[in-house]
């Protein structure tokens, strides 16, 4: 017999503002990066973005992250480049440390 406990909530919250961009709060890691990548892709596929010149990816409230943050930014940059849109990244200190770390 198996029992199920309360559902676990995602350690990341993603908010989409169709006019300006995407905000991420919480933990951005290998477990949650797929959700952010899908959100970035869907941002352009599910709405008219013809008047958007810059996508803001607000990571200023990401409290913890790993190398997946770099991968998420690269994915967003690729999607934006394909659509002729600039990418503006607002990093938290945690994201900044990962993005500038030498491997």
C-alpha atoms as a PDB file:
ATOM      1  CA  UNK A   1       0.000   0.000   0.000  1.00  0.00           C
ATOM      2  CA  UNK A   2       1.314   3.424  -0.889  1.00  0.00           C
ATOM      3  CA  UNK A   3       0.254   6.693   0.524  1.00  0.00           C
ATOM      4  CA  UNK A   4       0.636  10.072  -0.997  1.00  0.00           C
ATOM      5  CA  UNK A   5       1.461  13.098   1.041  1.00  0.00           C
ATOM      6  CA  UNK A   6       0.851  16.687   0.184  1.00  0.00           C
ATOM      7  CA  UNK A   7       2.047  17.779  -3.225  1.00  0.00           C
ATOM      8  CA  UNK A   8       5.454  19.366  -3.226  1.00  0.00           C
ATOM      9  CA  UNK A   9       5.477  22.856  -4.589  1.00  0.00           C
ATOM     10  CA  UNK A  10       8.054  23.863  -7.125  1.00  0.00           C
ATOM     11  CA  UNK A  11      11.112  25.613  -5.699  1.00  0.00           C
ATOM     12  CA  UNK A  12      10.772  28.158  -8.502  1.00  0.00           C
ATOM     13  CA  UNK A  13       8.041  30.625  -9.389  1.00  0.00           C
ATOM     14  CA  UNK A  14       7.908  32.068 -12.886  1.00  0.00           C
ATOM     15  CA  UNK A  15       5.805  35.112 -13.699  1.00  0.00           C
ATOM     16  CA  UNK A  16       5.198  36.209 -17.291  1.00  0.00           C
ATOM     17  CA  UNK A  17       4.403  39.800 -18.133  1.00  0.00           C
ATOM     18  CA  UNK A  18       3.443  39.720 -21.809  1.00  0.00           C
ATOM     19  CA  UNK A  19       4.601  43.269 -22.353  1.00  0.00           C
ATOM     20  CA  UNK A  20       8.038  43.191 -20.808  1.00  0.00           C
ATOM     21  CA  UNK A  21       9.338  39.811 -19.850  1.00  0.00           C
ATOM     22  CA  UNK A  22       9.748  36.976 -17.433  1.00  0.00           C
ATOM     23  CA  UNK A  23      10.530  37.083 -13.705  1.00  0.00           C
ATOM     24  CA  UNK A  24      11.918  34.132 -11.772  1.00  0.00           C
ATOM     25  CA  UNK A  25      11.900  33.672  -7.998  1.00  0.00           C
ATOM     26  CA  UNK A  26      13.388  30.829  -5.975  1.00  0.00           C
ATOM     27  CA  UNK A  27      15.795  28.093  -7.004  1.00  0.00           C
ATOM     28  CA  UNK A  28      17.041  27.790 -10.564  1.00  0.00           C
ATOM     29  CA  UNK A  29      18.803  24.481 -11.042  1.00  0.00           C
ATOM     30  CA  UNK A  30      18.828  21.358 -13.212  1.00  0.00           C
ATOM     31  CA  UNK A  31      15.389  20.401 -11.856  1.00  0.00           C
ATOM     32  CA  UNK A  32      13.691  23.738 -12.589  1.00  0.00           C
ATOM     33  CA  UNK A  33      15.544  25.038 -15.669  1.00  0.00           C
ATOM     34  CA  UNK A  34      13.295  23.114 -18.077  1.00  0.00           C
ATOM     35  CA  UNK A  35      10.259  25.008 -16.823  1.00  0.00           C
ATOM     36  CA  UNK A  36      12.004  28.333 -17.430  1.00  0.00           C
ATOM     37  CA  UNK A  37      13.208  27.282 -20.879  1.00  0.00           C
ATOM     38  CA  UNK A  38       9.666  26.276 -21.875  1.00  0.00           C
ATOM     39  CA  UNK A  39       8.350  29.587 -20.560  1.00  0.00           C
ATOM     40  CA  UNK A  40      10.860  31.558 -22.641  1.00  0.00           C
ATOM     41  CA  UNK A  41       9.941  29.636 -25.789  1.00  0.00           C
ATOM     42  CA  UNK A  42       6.202  29.904 -25.055  1.00  0.00           C
ATOM     43  CA  UNK A  43       6.556  33.650 -24.457  1.00  0.00           C
ATOM     44  CA  UNK A  44       7.091  34.118 -28.192  1.00  0.00           C
ATOM     45  CA  UNK A  45       4.854  31.326 -29.457  1.00  0.00           C
ATOM     46  CA  UNK A  46       1.696  32.080 -27.466  1.00  0.00           C
ATOM     47  CA  UNK A  47       1.294  35.828 -27.973  1.00  0.00           C
ATOM     48  CA  UNK A  48       1.890  38.602 -30.456  1.00  0.00           C
ATOM     49  CA  UNK A  49       5.392  39.802 -29.663  1.00  0.00           C
ATOM     50  CA  UNK A  50       5.942  41.801 -32.837  1.00  0.00           C
ATOM     51  CA  UNK A  51       6.259  45.037 -30.862  1.00  0.00           C
ATOM     52  CA  UNK A  52       8.751  43.700 -28.322  1.00  0.00           C
ATOM     53  CA  UNK A  53      12.323  44.883 -28.895  1.00  0.00           C
ATOM     54  CA  UNK A  54      13.786  43.619 -25.617  1.00  0.00           C
ATOM     55  CA  UNK A  55      12.882  40.620 -23.480  1.00  0.00           C
ATOM     56  CA  UNK A  56      13.734  41.186 -19.827  1.00  0.00           C
ATOM     57  CA  UNK A  57      14.691  38.026 -17.951  1.00  0.00           C
ATOM     58  CA  UNK A  58      14.483  39.149 -14.329  1.00  0.00           C
ATOM     59  CA  UNK A  59      16.479  36.762 -12.181  1.00  0.00           C
ATOM     60  CA  UNK A  60      16.996  39.300  -9.388  1.00  0.00           C
ATOM     61  CA  UNK A  61      15.013  37.224  -6.897  1.00  0.00           C
ATOM     62  CA  UNK A  62      16.648  33.873  -7.665  1.00  0.00           C
ATOM     63  CA  UNK A  63      17.928  32.828  -4.255  1.00  0.00           C
ATOM     64  CA  UNK A  64      19.908  29.763  -5.289  1.00  0.00           C
ATOM     65  CA  UNK A  65      21.174  28.409  -8.580  1.00  0.00           C
ATOM     66  CA  UNK A  66      23.768  26.239 -10.234  1.00  0.00           C
ATOM     67  CA  UNK A  67      25.205  26.018 -13.755  1.00  0.00           C
ATOM     68  CA  UNK A  68      21.624  25.679 -15.024  1.00  0.00           C
ATOM     69  CA  UNK A  69      21.286  29.449 -14.663  1.00  0.00           C
ATOM     70  CA  UNK A  70      23.944  29.891 -17.347  1.00  0.00           C
ATOM     71  CA  UNK A  71      22.164  27.370 -19.546  1.00  0.00           C
ATOM     72  CA  UNK A  72      18.861  29.219 -19.084  1.00  0.00           C
ATOM     73  CA  UNK A  73      20.423  32.522 -20.104  1.00  0.00           C
ATOM     74  CA  UNK A  74      22.040  30.900 -23.164  1.00  0.00           C
ATOM     75  CA  UNK A  75      18.670  29.382 -24.120  1.00  0.00           C
ATOM     76  CA  UNK A  76      16.906  32.737 -23.738  1.00  0.00           C
ATOM     77  CA  UNK A  77      19.637  34.441 -25.784  1.00  0.00           C
ATOM     78  CA  UNK A  78      19.234  31.869 -28.559  1.00  0.00           C
ATOM     79  CA  UNK A  79      15.449  32.221 -28.639  1.00  0.00           C
ATOM     80  CA  UNK A  80      15.717  36.016 -28.682  1.00  0.00           C
ATOM     81  CA  UNK A  81      18.359  35.985 -31.422  1.00  0.00           C
ATOM     82  CA  UNK A  82      16.138  33.771 -33.586  1.00  0.00           C
ATOM     83  CA  UNK A  83      13.373  36.379 -33.264  1.00  0.00           C
ATOM     84  CA  UNK A  84      15.512  39.500 -33.606  1.00  0.00           C
ATOM     85  CA  UNK A  85      14.872  40.577 -30.011  1.00  0.00           C
ATOM     86  CA  UNK A  86      17.484  41.782 -27.532  1.00  0.00           C
ATOM     87  CA  UNK A  87      17.787  40.067 -24.147  1.00  0.00           C
ATOM     88  CA  UNK A  88      18.207  41.994 -20.906  1.00  0.00           C
ATOM     89  CA  UNK A  89      19.169  39.868 -17.893  1.00  0.00           C
ATOM     90  CA  UNK A  90      18.751  41.214 -14.367  1.00  0.00           C
ATOM     91  CA  UNK A  91      20.767  38.818 -12.193  1.00  0.00           C
ATOM     92  CA  UNK A  92      20.667  38.203  -8.468  1.00  0.00           C
ATOM     93  CA  UNK A  93      23.967  37.909  -6.631  1.00  0.00           C
ATOM     94  CA  UNK A  94      23.655  34.092  -6.791  1.00  0.00           C
ATOM     95  CA  UNK A  95      23.156  34.199 -10.571  1.00  0.00           C
ATOM     96  CA  UNK A  96      25.979  36.706 -10.999  1.00  0.00           C
ATOM     97  CA  UNK A  97      28.370  34.397  -9.134  1.00  0.00           C
ATOM     98  CA  UNK A  98      27.461  31.414 -11.334  1.00  0.00           C
ATOM     99  CA  UNK A  99      27.670  33.451 -14.531  1.00  0.00           C
ATOM    100  CA  UNK A 100      31.130  34.792 -13.698  1.00  0.00           C
ATOM    101  CA  UNK A 101      32.610  31.607 -12.195  1.00  0.00           C
ATOM    102  CA  UNK A 102      35.544  30.109 -14.018  1.00  0.00           C
ATOM    103  CA  UNK A 103      35.260  26.415 -14.762  1.00  0.00           C
END
